[in-house]
């Protein structure tokens, strides 16, 4: 096969399994870059080339372990499902991911960031992400029809894992969305550019980065931090962790319980036995 024929067959197999659009695009890109790195079709390569390519991504390109693992998944699918070639999976292990505790801003700090955001469109999307605990991709893919003001909920279509769910719609979010709607009058996509096209992930990231820099808050805050803040602040306010799990769209409860270490939980309020020790007895 040619390199293009490999990509077409991969796309066909992913569509046959009803994989979501983002997965199809990601896997196709990863396989294309793999083939271009060696400048030959994937069916002429195997385990050793995959090992070399993943090592290159990790050590030369300085990709994160999570990113390298997405390449690993794409190539495992390609060889196992599309090309029906047996790989020695022991030789291409997934990279260990060390999840670091993020710098969670306070509600007051977030309020200041929202205050500094004078552009109504970006203020609306920032508040929607935080107020409902959305992923950035979920927010930019919202449509006008997904906002249910009467029942105070947002319909999230094809979230991570291609799963639908409902998210909270706080009154403050609804208020600013109405204000934004009056100014921009979107008809299909909720968040749009001045030309009426769908707002991109990069545009939101760049805007948020500029506002955070302007705020001079001495913390590493990204647009995804807003989702972390939603979960953490909900826990701080005594919300049920199982309800938070449903709102975030997590499949496994241990994904949600990770936020317990970010919250002001009672564990850190325990008294150490050192403080109750009597010296010299």
Protein backbone atom coordinates (compact mmCIF):
# COMPACT_ATOMS: atom_id res chain seq x y z
CA UNK A 1 0.00 0.00 0.00
CA UNK A 2 0.95 3.64 -0.39
CA UNK A 3 1.03 6.00 2.58
CA UNK A 4 -2.24 7.56 1.42
CA UNK A 5 -3.92 4.18 1.05
CA UNK A 6 -2.94 3.34 4.65
CA UNK A 7 -4.56 6.58 5.86
CA UNK A 8 -7.73 5.94 3.86
CA UNK A 9 -8.04 2.40 5.20
CA UNK A 10 -7.45 3.68 8.76
CA UNK A 11 -10.19 6.30 8.36
CA UNK A 12 -12.59 3.66 7.02
CA UNK A 13 -11.95 1.34 9.99
CA UNK A 14 -12.40 4.16 12.51
CA UNK A 15 -15.66 5.24 10.90
CA UNK A 16 -16.85 1.62 10.82
CA UNK A 17 -16.43 1.51 14.60
CA UNK A 18 -18.27 4.83 14.94
CA UNK A 19 -15.30 6.57 16.54
CA UNK A 20 -15.87 10.27 17.14
CA UNK A 21 -14.67 12.93 14.72
CA UNK A 22 -11.84 14.10 17.02
CA UNK A 23 -10.46 10.56 17.38
CA UNK A 24 -10.51 10.03 13.61
CA UNK A 25 -8.66 13.31 13.03
CA UNK A 26 -6.11 12.66 15.79
CA UNK A 27 -5.34 9.07 14.77
CA UNK A 28 -5.04 10.06 11.10
CA UNK A 29 -2.62 12.88 11.97
CA UNK A 30 -0.51 10.66 14.23
CA UNK A 31 -0.22 7.93 11.61
CA UNK A 32 0.59 10.45 8.88
CA UNK A 33 3.43 11.90 10.97
CA UNK A 34 4.70 8.38 11.74
CA UNK A 35 4.83 7.49 8.04
CA UNK A 36 6.43 10.82 7.11
CA UNK A 37 9.13 10.36 9.77
CA UNK A 38 10.38 7.21 8.01
CA UNK A 39 9.04 8.23 4.57
CA UNK A 40 7.42 4.88 3.89
CA UNK A 41 4.03 3.18 4.37
CA UNK A 42 3.22 1.75 7.78
CA UNK A 43 2.73 -1.77 6.39
CA UNK A 44 6.47 -1.83 5.62
CA UNK A 45 7.34 -1.13 9.25
CA UNK A 46 6.69 -2.66 12.65
CA UNK A 47 7.61 -2.76 16.34
CA UNK A 48 11.15 -1.40 16.02
CA UNK A 49 10.07 1.65 14.00
CA UNK A 50 7.27 2.38 16.47
CA UNK A 51 9.74 2.21 19.37
CA UNK A 52 12.12 4.59 17.62
CA UNK A 53 9.34 7.03 16.73
CA UNK A 54 7.84 7.14 20.23
CA UNK A 55 11.32 7.62 21.71
CA UNK A 56 11.88 10.51 19.29
CA UNK A 57 8.62 12.16 20.34
CA UNK A 58 9.49 11.86 24.02
CA UNK A 59 13.18 12.83 23.94
CA UNK A 60 13.63 15.04 20.88
CA UNK A 61 10.23 16.67 20.43
CA UNK A 62 9.70 16.85 24.21
CA UNK A 63 6.07 15.79 23.88
CA UNK A 64 4.28 15.08 27.16
CA UNK A 65 3.77 11.46 28.24
CA UNK A 66 0.03 11.84 27.64
CA UNK A 67 0.64 13.02 24.07
CA UNK A 68 3.07 10.19 23.36
CA UNK A 69 0.49 7.72 24.65
CA UNK A 70 -2.08 9.01 22.15
CA UNK A 71 0.41 8.24 19.36
CA UNK A 72 0.89 4.80 20.92
CA UNK A 73 -2.88 4.18 20.88
CA UNK A 74 -3.19 5.34 17.27
CA UNK A 75 -0.40 3.04 16.10
CA UNK A 76 -1.72 0.07 18.08
CA UNK A 77 -5.11 0.54 16.40
CA UNK A 78 -3.50 0.92 12.99
CA UNK A 79 -1.49 -2.30 13.23
CA UNK A 80 -3.95 -4.37 15.24
CA UNK A 81 -7.18 -3.43 13.44
CA UNK A 82 -6.38 -1.86 10.07
CA UNK A 83 -3.24 -3.70 8.98
CA UNK A 84 -3.85 -6.89 11.02
CA UNK A 85 -0.15 -7.04 11.91
CA UNK A 86 0.86 -8.54 15.27
CA UNK A 87 3.11 -6.28 17.33
CA UNK A 88 5.23 -7.11 20.35
CA UNK A 89 3.34 -4.80 22.71
CA UNK A 90 5.79 -5.47 25.55
CA UNK A 91 8.38 -3.53 23.56
CA UNK A 92 6.15 -0.49 23.06
CA UNK A 93 4.82 0.22 26.57
CA UNK A 94 2.78 3.26 27.41
CA UNK A 95 4.69 6.09 29.06
CA UNK A 96 4.06 6.58 32.75
CA UNK A 97 2.15 9.79 33.39
CA UNK A 98 2.88 11.67 36.60
CA UNK A 99 -0.13 13.87 37.24
CA UNK A 100 0.95 17.05 38.95
CA UNK A 101 -1.28 19.01 41.30
CA UNK A 102 -2.32 22.20 39.49
CA UNK A 103 -2.23 25.68 40.99
CA UNK A 104 -5.91 26.25 41.76
CA UNK A 105 -6.93 29.93 41.87
CA UNK A 106 -9.45 31.08 44.44
CA UNK A 107 -12.97 32.19 43.53
CA UNK A 108 -11.85 35.76 44.15
CA UNK A 109 -8.95 35.39 41.72
CA UNK A 110 -11.25 33.93 39.08
CA UNK A 111 -13.69 36.76 39.67
CA UNK A 112 -10.88 39.23 38.97
CA UNK A 113 -10.01 37.41 35.72
CA UNK A 114 -13.63 37.60 34.61
CA UNK A 115 -13.71 41.30 35.58
CA UNK A 116 -10.67 42.00 33.40
CA UNK A 117 -12.26 40.25 30.42
CA UNK A 118 -14.03 43.14 28.69
CA UNK A 119 -14.82 41.25 25.47
CA UNK A 120 -18.34 39.91 26.08
CA UNK A 121 -17.80 36.84 23.88
CA UNK A 122 -14.72 35.63 25.73
CA UNK A 123 -16.15 36.54 29.11
CA UNK A 124 -19.21 34.44 28.26
CA UNK A 125 -17.19 31.39 27.22
CA UNK A 126 -14.83 31.67 30.23
CA UNK A 127 -17.77 31.82 32.62
CA UNK A 128 -19.53 28.96 30.81
CA UNK A 129 -16.49 26.70 31.13
CA UNK A 130 -16.05 27.47 34.84
CA UNK A 131 -19.72 27.64 35.79
CA UNK A 132 -20.55 24.30 34.18
CA UNK A 133 -17.20 22.49 34.47
CA UNK A 134 -16.84 22.03 30.72
CA UNK A 135 -13.86 20.99 28.66
CA UNK A 136 -12.76 23.68 26.21
CA UNK A 137 -13.66 21.48 23.24
CA UNK A 138 -17.16 21.00 24.67
CA UNK A 139 -17.63 24.74 25.05
CA UNK A 140 -16.57 25.71 21.52
CA UNK A 141 -18.80 22.95 20.11
CA UNK A 142 -21.92 24.24 21.84
CA UNK A 143 -24.84 25.23 19.66
CA UNK A 144 -27.49 27.82 20.43
CA UNK A 145 -30.07 25.05 20.76
CA UNK A 146 -27.99 23.34 23.50
CA UNK A 147 -28.79 26.10 25.99
CA UNK A 148 -31.95 25.31 27.96
CA UNK A 149 -32.73 28.44 29.95
CA UNK A 150 -36.02 27.13 31.32
CA UNK A 151 -34.56 24.01 32.92
CA UNK A 152 -31.20 25.64 33.66
CA UNK A 153 -29.10 23.05 31.88
CA UNK A 154 -26.69 22.74 28.95
CA UNK A 155 -26.77 19.78 26.59
CA UNK A 156 -23.26 18.48 25.92
CA UNK A 157 -23.28 16.47 22.72
CA UNK A 158 -20.54 13.96 21.97
CA UNK A 159 -18.30 14.83 24.90
CA UNK A 160 -15.17 12.83 25.70
CA UNK A 161 -15.71 9.21 24.70
CA UNK A 162 -18.51 10.41 22.37
CA UNK A 163 -20.95 10.50 25.31
CA UNK A 164 -23.84 12.96 25.68
CA UNK A 165 -24.73 14.51 29.05
CA UNK A 166 -26.30 17.53 30.69
CA UNK A 167 -24.33 20.18 32.57
CA UNK A 168 -25.41 22.89 34.99
CA UNK A 169 -26.49 26.28 33.67
CA UNK A 170 -25.91 28.82 36.47
CA UNK A 171 -28.02 31.96 36.45
CA UNK A 172 -24.95 34.18 36.04
CA UNK A 173 -23.90 32.19 32.98
CA UNK A 174 -27.40 32.44 31.53
CA UNK A 175 -27.42 36.20 32.11
CA UNK A 176 -24.14 36.81 30.31
CA UNK A 177 -25.07 34.40 27.50
CA UNK A 178 -28.22 36.41 26.90
CA UNK A 179 -26.19 39.62 26.83
CA UNK A 180 -23.72 38.02 24.41
CA UNK A 181 -26.57 36.72 22.23
CA UNK A 182 -28.11 40.17 21.88
CA UNK A 183 -24.80 41.55 20.58
CA UNK A 184 -23.64 38.74 18.29
CA UNK A 185 -26.92 36.95 17.39
CA UNK A 186 -25.41 33.53 16.62
CA UNK A 187 -27.71 31.20 14.66
CA UNK A 188 -26.02 27.77 14.84
CA UNK A 189 -22.75 27.62 16.76
CA UNK A 190 -23.08 29.45 20.08
CA UNK A 191 -19.62 31.03 20.15
CA UNK A 192 -18.69 32.56 16.81
CA UNK A 193 -16.12 34.87 15.25
CA UNK A 194 -16.96 38.28 13.82
CA UNK A 195 -17.51 36.53 10.47
CA UNK A 196 -20.02 34.15 12.05
CA UNK A 197 -17.82 31.05 11.88
CA UNK A 198 -17.23 28.70 14.81
CA UNK A 199 -14.81 30.04 17.41
CA UNK A 200 -11.60 27.99 17.55
CA UNK A 201 -9.93 26.38 20.55
CA UNK A 202 -6.73 28.31 19.86
CA UNK A 203 -8.53 31.67 19.88
CA UNK A 204 -10.01 30.95 23.32
CA UNK A 205 -6.67 29.74 24.69
CA UNK A 206 -4.82 32.81 23.42
CA UNK A 207 -7.42 35.20 24.81
CA UNK A 208 -7.42 33.54 28.24
CA UNK A 209 -3.62 33.51 28.36
CA UNK A 210 -3.53 37.26 27.67
CA UNK A 211 -6.06 38.00 30.43
CA UNK A 212 -4.20 35.87 32.98
CA UNK A 213 -0.97 37.68 32.13
CA UNK A 214 -2.73 41.01 32.61
CA UNK A 215 -4.08 39.89 36.00
CA UNK A 216 -0.56 39.39 37.46
CA UNK A 217 -1.88 36.45 39.49
CA UNK A 218 1.29 34.46 40.42
CA UNK A 219 -0.13 31.06 39.49
CA UNK A 220 0.08 28.85 36.41
CA UNK A 221 -3.48 29.13 35.12
CA UNK A 222 -4.69 27.76 31.79
CA UNK A 223 -8.15 27.59 30.27
CA UNK A 224 -8.43 23.96 31.46
CA UNK A 225 -7.77 25.18 35.01
CA UNK A 226 -11.32 26.56 34.97
CA UNK A 227 -12.69 22.99 34.82
CA UNK A 228 -10.40 21.99 37.70
CA UNK A 229 -11.68 24.99 39.64
CA UNK A 230 -15.30 23.99 39.10
CA UNK A 231 -14.71 20.53 40.59
CA UNK A 232 -12.52 21.78 43.43
CA UNK A 233 -14.79 24.64 44.44
CA UNK A 234 -17.83 22.34 44.34
CA UNK A 235 -16.09 19.96 46.74
CA UNK A 236 -15.11 22.87 48.99
CA UNK A 237 -18.76 23.86 49.18
CA UNK A 238 -19.84 20.37 50.20
CA UNK A 239 -21.29 19.12 46.92
CA UNK A 240 -21.70 15.35 46.51
CA UNK A 241 -18.75 13.84 44.67
CA UNK A 242 -20.96 11.43 42.71
CA UNK A 243 -23.04 14.34 41.39
CA UNK A 244 -19.82 16.16 40.45
CA UNK A 245 -18.71 13.03 38.60
CA UNK A 246 -21.88 13.07 36.51
CA UNK A 247 -21.59 16.77 35.76
CA UNK A 248 -17.97 16.45 34.65
CA UNK A 249 -18.78 13.47 32.43
CA UNK A 250 -16.28 11.13 34.11
CA UNK A 251 -16.65 7.39 33.54
CA UNK A 252 -14.69 6.32 36.61
CA UNK A 253 -15.14 7.71 40.12
CA UNK A 254 -11.38 7.63 40.81
CA UNK A 255 -10.97 10.29 38.11
CA UNK A 256 -13.22 12.56 40.16
CA UNK A 257 -11.79 11.64 43.58
CA UNK A 258 -8.43 12.96 42.38
CA UNK A 259 -9.90 16.42 43.03
CA UNK A 260 -10.15 15.62 46.74
CA UNK A 261 -6.46 16.40 47.12
CA UNK A 262 -7.09 19.87 45.68
CA UNK A 263 -9.97 20.70 47.97
CA UNK A 264 -10.00 21.98 51.54
CA UNK A 265 -10.85 18.51 52.79
CA UNK A 266 -11.02 17.47 56.44
CA UNK A 267 -7.98 15.18 56.02
CA UNK A 268 -5.60 18.14 56.18
CA UNK A 269 -7.39 19.46 59.27
CA UNK A 270 -6.47 16.42 61.34
CA UNK A 271 -4.14 16.91 64.29
CA UNK A 272 -0.73 15.32 63.87
CA UNK A 273 0.38 13.07 66.77
CA UNK A 274 3.49 15.27 66.98
CA UNK A 275 1.37 18.15 68.27
CA UNK A 276 -0.10 16.00 71.08
CA UNK A 277 3.24 14.53 72.13
CA UNK A 278 4.63 15.38 75.59
CA UNK A 279 8.39 15.65 75.65
CA UNK A 280 10.50 14.37 78.50
CA UNK A 281 7.89 12.00 79.96
